[in-house]
Amino acid sequence: MIFDDIHWSEEMEAAWKEIKQHRSVTLTIDLFFIGLVFFRKEQKVKQHFSVRF
């Protein structure tokens, strides 16, 4: 899934944090303007990445 404006406001920051903590989420990539969320059943350990450019 793709989420837009994840750092737009305090509410969006809180929503992004909650999304990352969801039990089904296994991988997130924070590209500042958008956030990518993956639900990979074969991945056993959660990973969170931030790419700032």
N, C-alpha and C. Protein backbone atom coordinates (compact mmCIF):
# COMPACT_ATOMS: atom_id res chain seq x y z
N MET A 1 0.84 -1.16 0.00
CA MET A 1 0.00 0.00 0.00
C MET A 1 0.89 1.24 0.00
N ILE A 2 0.35 2.31 -0.53
CA ILE A 2 1.07 3.58 -0.58
C ILE A 2 0.25 4.61 0.18
N PHE A 3 0.90 5.32 1.10
CA PHE A 3 0.26 6.38 1.86
C PHE A 3 0.94 7.69 1.52
N ASP A 4 0.15 8.69 1.20
CA ASP A 4 0.67 9.99 0.80
C ASP A 4 0.73 10.94 2.00
N ASP A 5 1.67 11.86 1.98
CA ASP A 5 1.80 12.93 2.98
C ASP A 5 1.91 12.41 4.41
N ILE A 6 2.77 11.42 4.62
CA ILE A 6 2.88 10.80 5.95
C ILE A 6 3.50 11.71 6.99
N HIS A 7 4.11 12.81 6.57
CA HIS A 7 4.70 13.77 7.52
C HIS A 7 4.02 15.14 7.41
N TRP A 8 2.84 15.19 6.87
CA TRP A 8 2.13 16.45 6.62
C TRP A 8 1.73 17.16 7.91
N SER A 9 1.28 16.38 8.90
CA SER A 9 0.80 16.97 10.16
C SER A 9 1.10 16.01 11.30
N GLU A 10 0.86 16.47 12.51
CA GLU A 10 1.05 15.60 13.67
C GLU A 10 0.12 14.39 13.61
N GLU A 11 -1.09 14.60 13.12
CA GLU A 11 -2.05 13.50 13.01
C GLU A 11 -1.58 12.46 12.01
N MET A 12 -1.01 12.92 10.89
CA MET A 12 -0.50 11.98 9.89
C MET A 12 0.74 11.25 10.42
N GLU A 13 1.57 11.93 11.18
CA GLU A 13 2.73 11.28 11.82
C GLU A 13 2.24 10.17 12.75
N ALA A 14 1.21 10.46 13.53
CA ALA A 14 0.66 9.47 14.45
C ALA A 14 0.04 8.30 13.70
N ALA A 15 -0.65 8.59 12.61
CA ALA A 15 -1.25 7.53 11.79
C ALA A 15 -0.17 6.64 11.19
N TRP A 16 0.91 7.25 10.70
CA TRP A 16 2.01 6.48 10.11
C TRP A 16 2.63 5.55 11.17
N LYS A 17 2.82 6.07 12.37
CA LYS A 17 3.37 5.27 13.46
C LYS A 17 2.46 4.08 13.78
N GLU A 18 1.17 4.32 13.80
CA GLU A 18 0.20 3.25 14.08
C GLU A 18 0.19 2.21 12.97
N ILE A 19 0.27 2.66 11.73
CA ILE A 19 0.31 1.74 10.58
C ILE A 19 1.53 0.84 10.70
N LYS A 20 2.69 1.41 11.03
CA LYS A 20 3.92 0.62 11.15
C LYS A 20 3.81 -0.45 12.24
N GLN A 21 3.04 -0.18 13.28
CA GLN A 21 2.92 -1.12 14.39
C GLN A 21 1.88 -2.20 14.16
N HIS A 22 1.07 -2.08 13.12
CA HIS A 22 0.02 -3.08 12.86
C HIS A 22 0.64 -4.46 12.70
N ARG A 23 0.00 -5.47 13.23
CA ARG A 23 0.58 -6.82 13.25
C ARG A 23 0.77 -7.42 11.85
N SER A 24 -0.01 -6.99 10.88
CA SER A 24 0.10 -7.54 9.52
C SER A 24 1.22 -6.91 8.70
N VAL A 25 1.69 -5.77 9.12
CA VAL A 25 2.73 -5.05 8.38
C VAL A 25 4.09 -5.68 8.68
N THR A 26 4.83 -6.00 7.62
CA THR A 26 6.15 -6.61 7.81
C THR A 26 7.29 -5.71 7.35
N LEU A 27 7.00 -4.75 6.48
CA LEU A 27 8.05 -3.89 5.94
C LEU A 27 7.46 -2.54 5.61
N THR A 28 8.13 -1.47 6.03
CA THR A 28 7.73 -0.11 5.63
C THR A 28 8.94 0.63 5.11
N ILE A 29 8.67 1.51 4.16
CA ILE A 29 9.71 2.38 3.61
C ILE A 29 9.17 3.80 3.64
N ASP A 30 9.84 4.65 4.39
CA ASP A 30 9.47 6.06 4.53
C ASP A 30 10.28 6.86 3.53
N LEU A 31 9.61 7.39 2.50
CA LEU A 31 10.26 8.22 1.49
C LEU A 31 9.96 9.70 1.72
N PHE A 32 9.60 10.04 2.92
CA PHE A 32 9.22 11.35 3.42
C PHE A 32 7.88 11.82 2.87
N PHE A 33 7.73 11.95 1.57
CA PHE A 33 6.45 12.41 1.02
C PHE A 33 5.42 11.28 0.97
N ILE A 34 5.90 10.05 0.80
CA ILE A 34 5.00 8.89 0.77
C ILE A 34 5.58 7.78 1.64
N GLY A 35 4.72 6.88 2.05
CA GLY A 35 5.15 5.71 2.80
C GLY A 35 4.69 4.45 2.08
N LEU A 36 5.57 3.50 1.94
CA LEU A 36 5.26 2.22 1.31
C LEU A 36 5.10 1.17 2.40
N VAL A 37 4.06 0.38 2.32
CA VAL A 37 3.77 -0.63 3.34
C VAL A 37 3.62 -1.98 2.65
N PHE A 38 4.30 -2.99 3.20
CA PHE A 38 4.27 -4.34 2.62
C PHE A 38 3.74 -5.33 3.65
N PHE A 39 3.04 -6.34 3.15
CA PHE A 39 2.47 -7.40 3.98
C PHE A 39 3.01 -8.73 3.43
N ARG A 40 4.26 -9.04 3.74
CA ARG A 40 4.91 -10.23 3.19
C ARG A 40 4.89 -11.35 4.23
N LYS A 41 4.10 -12.36 3.97
CA LYS A 41 3.94 -13.46 4.93
C LYS A 41 5.24 -14.25 5.12
N GLU A 42 6.08 -14.29 4.09
CA GLU A 42 7.34 -15.04 4.20
C GLU A 42 8.38 -14.30 5.04
N GLN A 43 8.18 -13.03 5.29
CA GLN A 43 9.11 -12.23 6.09
C GLN A 43 8.68 -12.31 7.55
N LYS A 44 9.54 -12.83 8.40
CA LYS A 44 9.21 -13.08 9.80
C LYS A 44 9.54 -11.93 10.73
N VAL A 45 10.49 -11.07 10.35
CA VAL A 45 10.93 -9.97 11.20
C VAL A 45 10.53 -8.65 10.55
N LYS A 46 9.89 -7.78 11.34
CA LYS A 46 9.52 -6.46 10.83
C LYS A 46 10.75 -5.64 10.53
N GLN A 47 10.66 -4.84 9.45
CA GLN A 47 11.74 -3.93 9.11
C GLN A 47 11.14 -2.59 8.70
N HIS A 48 11.79 -1.51 9.13
CA HIS A 48 11.34 -0.16 8.81
C HIS A 48 12.54 0.62 8.29
N PHE A 49 12.37 1.21 7.11
CA PHE A 49 13.45 1.97 6.49
C PHE A 49 13.00 3.41 6.25
N SER A 50 13.93 4.33 6.36
CA SER A 50 13.70 5.74 6.00
C SER A 50 14.74 6.12 4.97
N VAL A 51 14.27 6.63 3.84
CA VAL A 51 15.14 7.08 2.77
C VAL A 51 14.90 8.56 2.60
N ARG A 52 15.89 9.36 2.91
CA ARG A 52 15.78 10.82 2.81
C ARG A 52 16.68 11.29 1.67
N PHE A 53 16.11 12.01 0.74
CA PHE A 53 16.90 12.52 -0.38
C PHE A 53 16.49 13.92 -0.73
